[in-house]
C-alpha atoms as a PDB file:
ATOM      1  CA  MET A   1     102.604 109.669 123.000  1.00  0.00           C
ATOM      2  CA  ASP A   2     100.068 107.100 121.692  1.00  0.00           C
ATOM      3  CA  TRP A   3      98.991 105.995 118.212  1.00  0.00           C
ATOM      4  CA  LEU A   4      96.188 108.557 118.055  1.00  0.00           C
ATOM      5  CA  THR A   5      98.428 111.577 118.597  1.00  0.00           C
ATOM      6  CA  PHE A   6     101.430 110.229 116.685  1.00  0.00           C
ATOM      7  CA  PRO A   7     100.329 111.569 113.257  1.00  0.00           C
ATOM      8  CA  SER A   8     100.099 115.131 114.565  1.00  0.00           C
ATOM      9  CA  HIS A   9     103.475 114.850 116.286  1.00  0.00           C
ATOM     10  CA  LEU A  10     104.951 113.382 113.120  1.00  0.00           C
ATOM     11  CA  ARG A  11     103.671 116.215 110.935  1.00  0.00           C
ATOM     12  CA  VAL A  12     104.982 118.885 113.297  1.00  0.00           C
ATOM     13  CA  SER A  13     108.321 117.075 113.687  1.00  0.00           C
ATOM     14  CA  LEU A  14     108.875 116.882 109.921  1.00  0.00           C
ATOM     15  CA  LEU A  15     107.861 120.516 109.533  1.00  0.00           C
ATOM     16  CA  LEU A  16     110.324 121.651 112.232  1.00  0.00           C
ATOM     17  CA  HIS A  17     112.971 119.446 110.673  1.00  0.00           C
ATOM     18  CA  GLY A  18     112.476 121.189 107.336  1.00  0.00           C
ATOM     19  CA  ILE A  19     112.757 124.617 108.912  1.00  0.00           C
ATOM     20  CA  SER A  20     115.823 123.705 110.997  1.00  0.00           C
ATOM     21  CA  SER A  21     117.581 122.224 107.968  1.00  0.00           C
ATOM     22  CA  THR A  22     117.817 125.695 106.432  1.00  0.00           C
ATOM     23  CA  GLY A  23     119.873 126.887 109.382  1.00  0.00           C
ATOM     24  CA  CYS A  24     122.253 123.978 108.888  1.00  0.00           C
ATOM     25  CA  LEU A  25     122.627 124.788 105.192  1.00  0.00           C
ATOM     26  CA  ASP A  26     123.225 128.477 105.966  1.00  0.00           C
ATOM     27  CA  LEU A  27     125.976 127.675 108.471  1.00  0.00           C
ATOM     28  CA  PHE A  28     127.683 125.233 106.103  1.00  0.00           C
ATOM     29  CA  PRO A  29     127.127 126.426 102.513  1.00  0.00           C
ATOM     30  CA  TYR A  30     129.211 123.563 101.070  1.00  0.00           C
ATOM     31  CA  LEU A  31     126.526 121.053 102.122  1.00  0.00           C
ATOM     32  CA  ALA A  32     124.437 120.317  99.034  1.00  0.00           C
ATOM     33  CA  GLY A  33     122.092 117.717 100.552  1.00  0.00           C
ATOM     34  CA  TYR A  34     121.476 115.281 103.361  1.00  0.00           C
ATOM     35  CA  PRO A  35     124.231 112.833 102.317  1.00  0.00           C
ATOM     36  CA  ASP A  36     126.681 115.731 102.764  1.00  0.00           C
ATOM     37  CA  VAL A  37     125.187 116.405 106.202  1.00  0.00           C
ATOM     38  CA  GLY A  38     125.668 112.743 107.101  1.00  0.00           C
ATOM     39  CA  GLN A  39     129.296 112.855 105.978  1.00  0.00           C
ATOM     40  CA  ALA A  40     129.953 116.058 107.915  1.00  0.00           C
ATOM     41  CA  ALA A  41     128.488 114.521 111.067  1.00  0.00           C
ATOM     42  CA  PHE A  42     129.789 110.929 110.957  1.00  0.00           C
ATOM     43  CA  GLY A  43     132.173 110.676 108.017  1.00  0.00           C
ATOM     44  CA  GLY A  44     131.831 108.233 105.145  1.00  0.00           C
ATOM     45  CA  LEU A  45     129.613 105.812 107.090  1.00  0.00           C
ATOM     46  CA  GLY A  46     127.093 108.565 107.810  1.00  0.00           C
ATOM     47  CA  ARG A  47     126.982 109.504 104.130  1.00  0.00           C
ATOM     48  CA  VAL A  48     126.396 105.876 103.119  1.00  0.00           C
ATOM     49  CA  LEU A  49     123.596 105.308 105.633  1.00  0.00           C
ATOM     50  CA  VAL A  50     121.747 108.550 104.829  1.00  0.00           C
ATOM     51  CA  SER A  51     122.104 107.936 101.097  1.00  0.00           C
ATOM     52  CA  LEU A  52     120.824 104.381 101.520  1.00  0.00           C
ATOM     53  CA  PHE A  53     117.657 105.530 103.274  1.00  0.00           C
ATOM     54  CA  LEU A  54     117.056 108.379 100.831  1.00  0.00           C
ATOM     55  CA  TYR A  55     117.559 106.379  97.649  1.00  0.00           C
ATOM     56  CA  CYS A  56     115.577 103.378  98.932  1.00  0.00           C
ATOM     57  CA  LYS A  57     112.688 105.707  99.652  1.00  0.00           C
ATOM     58  CA  LEU A  58     112.836 107.375  96.246  1.00  0.00           C
ATOM     59  CA  TYR A  59     113.111 103.994  94.534  1.00  0.00           C
ATOM     60  CA  ALA A  60     110.043 102.688  96.384  1.00  0.00           C
ATOM     61  CA  VAL A  61     108.116 105.848  95.467  1.00  0.00           C
ATOM     62  CA  ALA A  62     108.936 105.242  91.778  1.00  0.00           C
ATOM     63  CA  VAL A  63     107.597 101.687  92.112  1.00  0.00           C
ATOM     64  CA  GLU A  64     104.428 103.029  93.702  1.00  0.00           C
ATOM     65  CA  PHE A  65     103.815 105.384  90.801  1.00  0.00           C
ATOM     66  CA  LEU A  66     103.890 102.454  88.379  1.00  0.00           C
ATOM     67  CA  ILE A  67     101.472 100.413  90.510  1.00  0.00           C
ATOM     68  CA  MET A  68      99.117 103.375  90.758  1.00  0.00           C
ATOM     69  CA  GLU A  69      99.194 103.918  87.000  1.00  0.00           C
ATOM     70  CA  GLY A  70      98.480 100.239  86.355  1.00  0.00           C
ATOM     71  CA  ASP A  71      95.514 100.150  88.753  1.00  0.00           C
ATOM     72  CA  ASN A  72      93.873 103.314  87.451  1.00  0.00           C
ATOM     73  CA  LEU A  73      94.423 102.645  83.747  1.00  0.00           C
ATOM     74  CA  THR A  74      92.832  99.223  84.223  1.00  0.00           C
ATOM     75  CA  ARG A  75      89.742 100.892  85.661  1.00  0.00           C
ATOM     76  CA  LEU A  76      89.525 103.126  82.591  1.00  0.00           C
ATOM     77  CA  PHE A  77      90.494 100.613  79.901  1.00  0.00           C
ATOM     78  CA  PRO A  78      90.232  97.056  81.260  1.00  0.00           C
ATOM     79  CA  LEU A  79      92.128  94.489  79.203  1.00  0.00           C
ATOM     80  CA  ARG A  80      92.012  90.721  79.159  1.00  0.00           C
ATOM     81  CA  SER A  81      94.846  88.824  80.792  1.00  0.00           C
ATOM     82  CA  LEU A  82      97.597  87.783  78.418  1.00  0.00           C
ATOM     83  CA  ASN A  83      98.856  84.220  78.856  1.00  0.00           C
ATOM     84  CA  LEU A  84     102.515  83.888  77.858  1.00  0.00           C
ATOM     85  CA  GLY A  85     102.891  80.277  78.934  1.00  0.00           C
ATOM     86  CA  ILE A  86     105.422  80.739  81.721  1.00  0.00           C
ATOM     87  CA  PHE A  87     103.498  83.562  83.355  1.00  0.00           C
ATOM     88  CA  GLU A  88     100.303  85.548  82.893  1.00  0.00           C
ATOM     89  CA  LEU A  89     100.121  89.292  82.397  1.00  0.00           C
ATOM     90  CA  SER A  90      97.005  90.808  83.937  1.00  0.00           C
ATOM     91  CA  SER A  91      95.577  94.106  82.767  1.00  0.00           C
ATOM     92  CA  GLU A  92      97.265  95.938  85.661  1.00  0.00           C
ATOM     93  CA  LYS A  93     100.664  94.468  84.834  1.00  0.00           C
ATOM     94  CA  ARG A  94     100.363  95.285  81.131  1.00  0.00           C
ATOM     95  CA  PHE A  95      99.570  98.903  81.975  1.00  0.00           C
ATOM     96  CA  VAL A  96     102.517  99.011  84.401  1.00  0.00           C
ATOM     97  CA  ILE A  97     104.816  98.107  81.499  1.00  0.00           C
ATOM     98  CA  PHE A  98     103.060 100.589  79.211  1.00  0.00           C
ATOM     99  CA  SER A  99     103.335 103.411  81.784  1.00  0.00           C
ATOM    100  CA  ALA A 100     107.040 102.718  82.316  1.00  0.00           C
ATOM    101  CA  ALA A 101     107.623 102.854  78.558  1.00  0.00           C
ATOM    102  CA  ILE A 102     105.883 106.244  78.391  1.00  0.00           C
ATOM    103  CA  MET A 103     107.817 107.614  81.386  1.00  0.00           C
ATOM    104  CA  LEU A 104     111.214 106.314  80.264  1.00  0.00           C
ATOM    105  CA  PRO A 105     112.046 109.295  77.982  1.00  0.00           C
ATOM    106  CA  THR A 106     111.421 111.692  80.894  1.00  0.00           C
ATOM    107  CA  VAL A 107     114.049 109.816  82.918  1.00  0.00           C
ATOM    108  CA  TRP A 108     116.617 110.332  80.140  1.00  0.00           C
ATOM    109  CA  LEU A 109     116.218 114.120  80.403  1.00  0.00           C
ATOM    110  CA  ARG A 110     119.130 115.997  81.983  1.00  0.00           C
ATOM    111  CA  ASP A 111     117.190 119.240  82.334  1.00  0.00           C
ATOM    112  CA  LEU A 112     114.112 118.438  84.411  1.00  0.00           C
ATOM    113  CA  SER A 113     112.860 122.010  84.090  1.00  0.00           C
ATOM    114  CA  LEU A 114     111.094 120.779  80.948  1.00  0.00           C
ATOM    115  CA  LEU A 115     108.712 118.912  83.266  1.00  0.00           C
ATOM    116  CA  SER A 116     107.987 121.941  85.426  1.00  0.00           C
ATOM    117  CA  TYR A 117     104.831 122.916  83.570  1.00  0.00           C
ATOM    118  CA  ILE A 118     103.329 119.453  83.965  1.00  0.00           C
ATOM    119  CA  SER A 119     104.495 119.279  87.562  1.00  0.00           C
ATOM    120  CA  ALA A 120     102.866 122.628  88.348  1.00  0.00           C
ATOM    121  CA  GLY A 121      99.545 121.097  87.363  1.00  0.00           C
ATOM    122  CA  GLY A 122      99.926 118.500  90.112  1.00  0.00           C
ATOM    123  CA  LEU A 123      98.165 120.690  92.649  1.00  0.00           C
ATOM    124  CA  LEU A 124      95.310 121.343  90.233  1.00  0.00           C
ATOM    125  CA  ALA A 125      95.050 117.601  89.590  1.00  0.00           C
ATOM    126  CA  CYS A 126      94.809 116.924  93.338  1.00  0.00           C
ATOM    127  CA  VAL A 127      92.040 119.495  93.685  1.00  0.00           C
ATOM    128  CA  ALA A 128      90.272 117.958  90.665  1.00  0.00           C
ATOM    129  CA  VAL A 129      90.349 114.533  92.342  1.00  0.00           C
ATOM    130  CA  ILE A 130      88.807 115.901  95.539  1.00  0.00           C
ATOM    131  CA  VAL A 131      86.113 117.814  93.639  1.00  0.00           C
ATOM    132  CA  ALA A 132      85.291 114.751  91.520  1.00  0.00           C
ATOM    133  CA  VAL A 133      85.073 112.472  94.572  1.00  0.00           C
ATOM    134  CA  ALA A 134      82.940 115.027  96.436  1.00  0.00           C
ATOM    135  CA  CYS A 135      80.571 115.301  93.465  1.00  0.00           C
ATOM    136  CA  ALA A 136      80.351 111.516  93.261  1.00  0.00           C
ATOM    137  CA  GLY A 137      79.433 111.394  96.917  1.00  0.00           C
ATOM    138  CA  THR A 138      76.885 114.189  96.613  1.00  0.00           C
ATOM    139  CA  PHE A 139      75.080 113.097  93.450  1.00  0.00           C
ATOM    140  CA  GLU A 140      75.787 109.369  93.111  1.00  0.00           C
ATOM    141  CA  VAL A 141      77.001 107.385  96.123  1.00  0.00           C
ATOM    142  CA  GLY A 142      75.949 109.447  99.126  1.00  0.00           C
ATOM    143  CA  PHE A 143      77.642 109.791 102.507  1.00  0.00           C
ATOM    144  CA  SER A 144      75.679 107.235 104.490  1.00  0.00           C
ATOM    145  CA  ASN A 145      78.193 104.371 104.566  1.00  0.00           C
ATOM    146  CA  HIS A 146      79.186 104.196 108.224  1.00  0.00           C
ATOM    147  CA  GLY A 147      82.136 101.978 108.989  1.00  0.00           C
ATOM    148  CA  ARG A 148      84.316 101.626 112.080  1.00  0.00           C
ATOM    149  CA  LEU A 149      85.632 105.047 113.043  1.00  0.00           C
ATOM    150  CA  VAL A 150      88.807 103.585 114.569  1.00  0.00           C
ATOM    151  CA  ASN A 151      90.293 100.240 113.528  1.00  0.00           C
ATOM    152  CA  PHE A 152      93.240  99.619 115.818  1.00  0.00           C
ATOM    153  CA  HIS A 153      94.424  96.629 113.776  1.00  0.00           C
ATOM    154  CA  GLY A 154      94.879  98.854 110.732  1.00  0.00           C
ATOM    155  CA  LEU A 155      96.237 101.857 112.612  1.00  0.00           C
ATOM    156  CA  PRO A 156      99.962 101.108 112.049  1.00  0.00           C
ATOM    157  CA  ILE A 157      99.350 100.875 108.287  1.00  0.00           C
ATOM    158  CA  ALA A 158      97.314 104.084 108.395  1.00  0.00           C
ATOM    159  CA  VAL A 159     100.107 105.906 110.220  1.00  0.00           C
ATOM    160  CA  GLY A 160     102.602 104.681 107.621  1.00  0.00           C
ATOM    161  CA  ILE A 161     100.402 105.958 104.787  1.00  0.00           C
ATOM    162  CA  TYR A 162      99.967 109.244 106.645  1.00  0.00           C
ATOM    163  CA  GLY A 163     103.740 109.542 106.979  1.00  0.00           C
ATOM    164  CA  PHE A 164     104.105 108.967 103.252  1.00  0.00           C
ATOM    165  CA  CYS A 165     102.007 112.077 102.582  1.00  0.00           C
ATOM    166  CA  PHE A 166     104.663 114.217 104.304  1.00  0.00           C
ATOM    167  CA  CYS A 167     107.804 112.459 103.064  1.00  0.00           C
ATOM    168  CA  GLY A 168     109.117 115.214 100.807  1.00  0.00           C
ATOM    169  CA  GLN A 169     111.990 116.129 103.115  1.00  0.00           C
ATOM    170  CA  ALA A 170     114.485 114.541 100.715  1.00  0.00           C
ATOM    171  CA  VAL A 171     114.131 117.507  98.349  1.00  0.00           C
ATOM    172  CA  PHE A 172     114.116 120.292 100.973  1.00  0.00           C
ATOM    173  CA  PRO A 173     117.776 121.264 100.380  1.00  0.00           C
ATOM    174  CA  ASN A 174     117.254 121.375  96.604  1.00  0.00           C
ATOM    175  CA  ILE A 175     114.170 123.581  96.920  1.00  0.00           C
ATOM    176  CA  TYR A 176     115.908 125.862  99.405  1.00  0.00           C
ATOM    177  CA  ALA A 177     118.970 126.217  97.169  1.00  0.00           C
ATOM    178  CA  SER A 178     116.857 127.060  94.127  1.00  0.00           C
ATOM    179  CA  MET A 179     114.801 129.790  95.837  1.00  0.00           C
ATOM    180  CA  ARG A 180     115.530 133.392  94.965  1.00  0.00           C
ATOM    181  CA  ASN A 181     114.351 134.662  98.366  1.00  0.00           C
ATOM    182  CA  LYS A 182     115.526 132.012 100.836  1.00  0.00           C
ATOM    183  CA  SER A 183     114.124 133.881 103.833  1.00  0.00           C
ATOM    184  CA  ARG A 184     110.614 132.852 102.774  1.00  0.00           C
ATOM    185  CA  PHE A 185     111.387 129.126 102.807  1.00  0.00           C
ATOM    186  CA  SER A 186     109.801 128.558 106.215  1.00  0.00           C
ATOM    187  CA  HIS A 187     106.591 130.287 105.068  1.00  0.00           C
ATOM    188  CA  VAL A 188     106.509 128.183 101.907  1.00  0.00           C
ATOM    189  CA  LEU A 189     107.064 125.030 103.951  1.00  0.00           C
ATOM    190  CA  VAL A 190     104.255 125.822 106.402  1.00  0.00           C
ATOM    191  CA  ALA A 191     101.882 126.594 103.533  1.00  0.00           C
ATOM    192  CA  CYS A 192     102.782 123.345 101.751  1.00  0.00           C
ATOM    193  CA  PHE A 193     102.254 121.254 104.880  1.00  0.00           C
ATOM    194  CA  LEU A 194      98.884 122.894 105.547  1.00  0.00           C
ATOM    195  CA  ILE A 195      97.746 122.357 101.944  1.00  0.00           C
ATOM    196  CA  CYS A 196      98.943 118.750 102.013  1.00  0.00           C
ATOM    197  CA  ALA A 197      97.134 118.077 105.307  1.00  0.00           C
ATOM    198  CA  LEU A 198      93.972 119.682 103.938  1.00  0.00           C
ATOM    199  CA  LEU A 199      94.002 117.732 100.654  1.00  0.00           C
ATOM    200  CA  CYS A 200      94.902 114.361 102.168  1.00  0.00           C
ATOM    201  CA  GLY A 201      92.534 114.837 105.093  1.00  0.00           C
ATOM    202  CA  SER A 202      89.673 115.810 102.792  1.00  0.00           C
ATOM    203  CA  ILE A 203      90.009 112.766 100.546  1.00  0.00           C
ATOM    204  CA  ALA A 204      90.320 110.492 103.601  1.00  0.00           C
ATOM    205  CA  VAL A 205      87.137 111.850 105.184  1.00  0.00           C
ATOM    206  CA  LEU A 206      85.225 111.704 101.891  1.00  0.00           C
ATOM    207  CA  GLY A 207      86.343 108.149 101.246  1.00  0.00           C
ATOM    208  CA  PHE A 208      85.322 107.013 104.720  1.00  0.00           C
ATOM    209  CA  LEU A 209      81.902 108.666 104.574  1.00  0.00           C
ATOM    210  CA  MET A 210      81.223 107.257 101.105  1.00  0.00           C
ATOM    211  CA  PHE A 211      82.565 103.705 101.366  1.00  0.00           C
ATOM    212  CA  GLY A 212      83.426 103.041 105.017  1.00  0.00           C
ATOM    213  CA  ASP A 213      85.296  99.784 105.573  1.00  0.00           C
ATOM    214  CA  ASP A 214      84.975  98.911 101.871  1.00  0.00           C
ATOM    215  CA  SER A 215      87.372 101.671 100.797  1.00  0.00           C
ATOM    216  CA  GLU A 216      90.071 100.526  98.380  1.00  0.00           C
ATOM    217  CA  SER A 217      93.748 101.493  98.623  1.00  0.00           C
ATOM    218  CA  GLN A 218      92.838 104.337  96.230  1.00  0.00           C
ATOM    219  CA  VAL A 219      89.379 105.819  96.691  1.00  0.00           C
ATOM    220  CA  THR A 220      89.107 106.389  92.934  1.00  0.00           C
ATOM    221  CA  LEU A 221      88.894 102.598  92.527  1.00  0.00           C
ATOM    222  CA  ASN A 222      85.622 102.610  94.486  1.00  0.00           C
ATOM    223  CA  LEU A 223      83.848 105.062  92.207  1.00  0.00           C
ATOM    224  CA  THR A 224      81.046 103.810  89.954  1.00  0.00           C
ATOM    225  CA  ARG A 225      82.281 102.605  86.576  1.00  0.00           C
ATOM    226  CA  GLY A 226      81.189 104.648  83.576  1.00  0.00           C
ATOM    227  CA  ARG A 227      80.464 107.832  85.515  1.00  0.00           C
ATOM    228  CA  LEU A 228      81.991 111.148  84.462  1.00  0.00           C
ATOM    229  CA  THR A 229      83.175 111.925  87.991  1.00  0.00           C
ATOM    230  CA  ARG A 230      85.048 108.618  88.137  1.00  0.00           C
ATOM    231  CA  ASN A 231      86.785 109.237  84.818  1.00  0.00           C
ATOM    232  CA  ILE A 232      87.791 112.774  85.823  1.00  0.00           C
ATOM    233  CA  ALA A 233      89.195 111.556  89.151  1.00  0.00           C
ATOM    234  CA  ILE A 234      91.175 108.731  87.546  1.00  0.00           C
ATOM    235  CA  VAL A 235      92.555 110.913  84.731  1.00  0.00           C
ATOM    236  CA  ALA A 236      93.652 113.531  87.282  1.00  0.00           C
ATOM    237  CA  THR A 237      95.302 110.773  89.319  1.00  0.00           C
ATOM    238  CA  LEU A 238      97.087 109.502  86.213  1.00  0.00           C
ATOM    239  CA  VAL A 239      98.607 112.904  85.405  1.00  0.00           C
ATOM    240  CA  ASN A 240     100.498 113.285  88.685  1.00  0.00           C
ATOM    241  CA  PRO A 241     103.054 110.447  88.460  1.00  0.00           C
ATOM    242  CA  PHE A 242     104.425 111.313  85.011  1.00  0.00           C
ATOM    243  CA  PRO A 243     106.726 114.197  86.019  1.00  0.00           C
ATOM    244  CA  LYS A 244     107.216 112.892  89.550  1.00  0.00           C
ATOM    245  CA  TYR A 245     108.527 109.530  88.402  1.00  0.00           C
ATOM    246  CA  ALA A 246     111.533 111.188  86.757  1.00  0.00           C
ATOM    247  CA  LEU A 247     112.079 113.358  89.838  1.00  0.00           C
ATOM    248  CA  ALA A 248     112.162 110.220  92.009  1.00  0.00           C
ATOM    249  CA  VAL A 249     114.513 108.252  89.751  1.00  0.00           C
ATOM    250  CA  THR A 250     116.962 111.024  88.800  1.00  0.00           C
ATOM    251  CA  PRO A 251     118.740 111.404  92.210  1.00  0.00           C
ATOM    252  CA  LEU A 252     119.444 107.672  92.326  1.00  0.00           C
ATOM    253  CA  ALA A 253     120.635 107.689  88.710  1.00  0.00           C
ATOM    254  CA  ALA A 254     122.874 110.700  89.380  1.00  0.00           C
ATOM    255  CA  ALA A 255     124.422 108.934  92.387  1.00  0.00           C
ATOM    256  CA  LEU A 256     125.211 105.863  90.283  1.00  0.00           C
ATOM    257  CA  GLU A 257     126.608 108.015  87.474  1.00  0.00           C
ATOM    258  CA  GLU A 258     129.105 109.485  89.949  1.00  0.00           C
ATOM    259  CA  LEU A 259     130.689 106.033  90.094  1.00  0.00           C
ATOM    260  CA  LEU A 260     131.594 106.208  86.397  1.00  0.00           C
ATOM    261  CA  PRO A 261     135.225 107.072  85.552  1.00  0.00           C
ATOM    262  CA  THR A 262     135.746 110.820  85.345  1.00  0.00           C
ATOM    263  CA  GLU A 263     137.948 110.545  82.252  1.00  0.00           C
ATOM    264  CA  LEU A 264     135.074 109.349  80.074  1.00  0.00           C
ATOM    265  CA  LYS A 265     134.185 111.573  77.156  1.00  0.00           C
ATOM    266  CA  SER A 266     130.881 113.391  77.417  1.00  0.00           C
ATOM    267  CA  ARG A 267     129.281 111.285  74.698  1.00  0.00           C
ATOM    268  CA  ILE A 268     130.357 107.974  76.281  1.00  0.00           C
ATOM    269  CA  PHE A 269     129.308 109.242  79.708  1.00  0.00           C
ATOM    270  CA  LEU A 270     125.897 110.156  78.329  1.00  0.00           C
ATOM    271  CA  MET A 271     125.496 106.683  76.816  1.00  0.00           C
ATOM    272  CA  TRP A 272     126.390 104.946  80.081  1.00  0.00           C
ATOM    273  CA  GLY A 273     124.137 107.318  82.010  1.00  0.00           C
ATOM    274  CA  THR A 274     121.234 106.545  79.698  1.00  0.00           C
ATOM    275  CA  LEU A 275     121.849 102.823  80.164  1.00  0.00           C
ATOM    276  CA  ILE A 276     121.906 103.209  83.958  1.00  0.00           C
ATOM    277  CA  ARG A 277     118.644 105.140  83.944  1.00  0.00           C
ATOM    278  CA  THR A 278     117.021 102.571  81.650  1.00  0.00           C
ATOM    279  CA  LEU A 279     118.085  99.709  83.927  1.00  0.00           C
ATOM    280  CA  ILE A 280     116.684 101.525  86.966  1.00  0.00           C
ATOM    281  CA  VAL A 281     113.333 101.925  85.202  1.00  0.00           C
ATOM    282  CA  LEU A 282     113.401  98.254  84.193  1.00  0.00           C
ATOM    283  CA  SER A 283     114.070  97.210  87.784  1.00  0.00           C
ATOM    284  CA  THR A 284     111.145  99.303  89.083  1.00  0.00           C
ATOM    285  CA  VAL A 285     108.887  97.591  86.530  1.00  0.00           C
ATOM    286  CA  ILE A 286     109.978  94.164  87.774  1.00  0.00           C
ATOM    287  CA  ILE A 287     109.336  95.119  91.405  1.00  0.00           C
ATOM    288  CA  ALA A 288     105.938  96.617  90.508  1.00  0.00           C
ATOM    289  CA  LEU A 289     104.962  93.389  88.723  1.00  0.00           C
ATOM    290  CA  VAL A 290     106.059  91.221  91.634  1.00  0.00           C
ATOM    291  CA  LEU A 291     104.622  93.400  94.440  1.00  0.00           C
ATOM    292  CA  PRO A 292     101.354  94.917  93.164  1.00  0.00           C
ATOM    293  CA  PHE A 293     100.115  96.041  96.599  1.00  0.00           C
ATOM    294  CA  PHE A 294      99.796  99.802  96.489  1.00  0.00           C
ATOM    295  CA  GLY A 295      98.469 100.451 100.000  1.00  0.00           C
ATOM    296  CA  TYR A 296     100.947  98.227 101.810  1.00  0.00           C
ATOM    297  CA  LEU A 297     103.903  99.532  99.822  1.00  0.00           C
ATOM    298  CA  MET A 298     102.869 103.101 100.596  1.00  0.00           C
ATOM    299  CA  ALA A 299     102.624 102.228 104.293  1.00  0.00           C
ATOM    300  CA  LEU A 300     106.072 100.594 104.167  1.00  0.00           C
ATOM    301  CA  VAL A 301     107.632 103.642 102.530  1.00  0.00           C
ATOM    302  CA  GLY A 302     105.942 105.994 104.968  1.00  0.00           C
ATOM    303  CA  ALA A 303     106.704 104.043 108.129  1.00  0.00           C
ATOM    304  CA  SER A 304     110.093 102.415 107.591  1.00  0.00           C
ATOM    305  CA  LEU A 305     111.766 104.860 105.196  1.00  0.00           C
ATOM    306  CA  SER A 306     110.185 108.337 105.227  1.00  0.00           C
ATOM    307  CA  ILE A 307     109.838 108.618 108.996  1.00  0.00           C
ATOM    308  CA  THR A 308     113.306 107.118 109.502  1.00  0.00           C
ATOM    309  CA  VAL A 309     114.829 109.578 107.039  1.00  0.00           C
ATOM    310  CA  GLY A 310     113.125 112.514 108.759  1.00  0.00           C
ATOM    311  CA  ILE A 311     114.217 111.473 112.252  1.00  0.00           C
ATOM    312  CA  THR A 312     117.757 110.561 111.158  1.00  0.00           C
ATOM    313  CA  ASN A 313     118.330 113.826 109.296  1.00  0.00           C
ATOM    314  CA  HIS A 314     116.964 115.822 112.240  1.00  0.00           C
ATOM    315  CA  MET A 315     119.398 114.038 114.553  1.00  0.00           C
ATOM    316  CA  LEU A 316     122.290 114.734 112.174  1.00  0.00           C
ATOM    317  CA  GLU A 317     121.458 118.436 112.063  1.00  0.00           C
ATOM    318  CA  ARG A 318     121.466 118.627 115.843  1.00  0.00           C
END
């Protein structure tokens, strides 16, 4: 298997892993997630290792959302750098802090169903981005920018980014458990993977044909400033992370809250839980300010965490 066929093998492997995980959950109904699978297979050490990979991945995804918000908001509303003496806050960093402040109340929520309506619009936002980019290419930029079709030096990073697009396996058990008709899970999974491949593949092809080797880490950053298509694409990109940020942070926060003493009163427990969630958000802001490299971070999450989680969980289930 070489680098050129690895993405296809990866996509199929993760898809089969998602389907096979349902059989594992059916055989052992007491397993609520992959950490439980790790504990059932290898005891406490297996639970720790699987949890470490899962929570590191979710934490890195939360950091990525902040970086993406900072980059896109700067393109819409560029601000001057703010010199605070010891350090300087660029426009991107100021919007990272602003975005985290806006998202913080969603992290405090215990019932994430309140975000379901916004989250359901994620697919529409993705389609809006593709339509806006396609219109920009058709009526503004054109599709005549021919770059290198294959850049072997950048192929490992590209594979990591590709893996990130299919790294949702961490929530497969939760989705399966919440379905009314569990027998249709495999059909839902196949449809989701096909839609994801179509959307991500479309934006990749459009970006390459429009900007070639000059493509930014987010193709929306290449679009002409002041154009309606650019504003629509960026606004649609901005909508996505708001509900997803809370979904990424909540599992980690819940795991840390399990370490709190069980005898705490509900009100005290809620206060400590809120503090834990606030500190997690604060830590993601610090990481986003220190490592503002969206493309490389996405590649790291996809290659070293998402693929590892998928392969490890598949091995555990076997």
